[in-house]
Amino acid sequence: MEARDVLKRPVITEKSSAAMAEDKYTFDVDTRANKTQDKNAVEEIFDVKADNVNIINYK
């Protein structure tokens, strides 16, 4: 799975906007991707070093 297929879109909410002040960003990602793929996609697309990745599954 390629990086552009992993990240679907950013999540823009009041809570995620507040987290951006702490350099924390929120994305909808493909459900088939794991933490490693998520981290690699962010690093590849945005040319940054991701320190930590948190996953929340919801429907």
Protein backbone atom coordinates (compact mmCIF):
# COMPACT_ATOMS: atom_id res chain seq x y z
CA MET A 1 0.00 0.00 0.00
CA GLU A 2 1.42 3.38 -1.00
CA ALA A 3 1.61 6.37 1.34
CA ARG A 4 -1.03 8.31 -0.58
CA ASP A 5 -3.42 5.37 -0.16
CA VAL A 6 -2.92 5.18 3.62
CA LEU A 7 -3.83 8.76 4.58
CA LYS A 8 -7.37 9.60 3.48
CA ARG A 9 -7.92 13.13 4.85
CA PRO A 10 -7.14 15.34 7.83
CA VAL A 11 -9.70 15.53 10.63
CA ILE A 12 -10.63 19.13 11.35
CA THR A 13 -12.51 19.47 14.63
CA GLU A 14 -12.26 21.79 17.60
CA LYS A 15 -10.36 19.14 19.55
CA SER A 16 -7.92 18.35 16.72
CA SER A 17 -7.36 22.06 16.09
CA ALA A 18 -6.35 22.52 19.72
CA ALA A 19 -3.96 19.57 19.42
CA MET A 20 -2.26 21.22 16.43
CA ALA A 21 -0.87 23.83 18.82
CA GLU A 22 1.07 20.95 20.42
CA ASP A 23 2.22 19.68 16.98
CA LYS A 24 -0.22 16.76 17.07
CA TYR A 25 -2.15 16.05 13.89
CA THR A 26 -5.21 13.90 13.22
CA PHE A 27 -5.96 11.94 10.04
CA ASP A 28 -8.51 9.45 8.79
CA VAL A 29 -6.52 6.47 7.56
CA ASP A 30 -7.25 3.28 5.66
CA THR A 31 -8.50 0.57 8.03
CA ARG A 32 -6.16 -1.98 6.44
CA ALA A 33 -3.06 0.05 7.39
CA ASN A 34 -1.13 -0.62 10.58
CA LYS A 35 0.80 1.79 12.83
CA THR A 36 4.05 1.36 10.92
CA GLN A 37 2.40 2.12 7.59
CA ASP A 38 0.65 5.15 9.09
CA LYS A 39 3.92 6.52 10.47
CA ASN A 40 5.80 5.90 7.22
CA ALA A 41 3.04 7.60 5.20
CA VAL A 42 3.15 10.75 7.35
CA GLU A 43 6.94 10.87 7.19
CA GLU A 44 6.99 10.36 3.42
CA ILE A 45 4.20 12.79 2.49
CA PHE A 46 5.06 15.64 4.87
CA ASP A 47 8.86 15.09 5.05
CA VAL A 48 8.89 15.09 8.86
CA LYS A 49 10.00 12.69 11.61
CA ALA A 50 6.99 11.26 13.47
CA ASP A 51 7.80 10.56 17.12
CA ASN A 52 4.62 8.73 18.04
CA VAL A 53 1.51 7.31 16.38
CA ASN A 54 -1.75 6.67 18.22
CA ILE A 55 -4.58 4.66 16.66
CA ILE A 56 -8.27 4.87 17.56
CA ASN A 57 -10.69 2.50 15.83
CA TYR A 58 -14.29 3.61 15.62
CA LYS A 59 -17.35 3.13 13.42
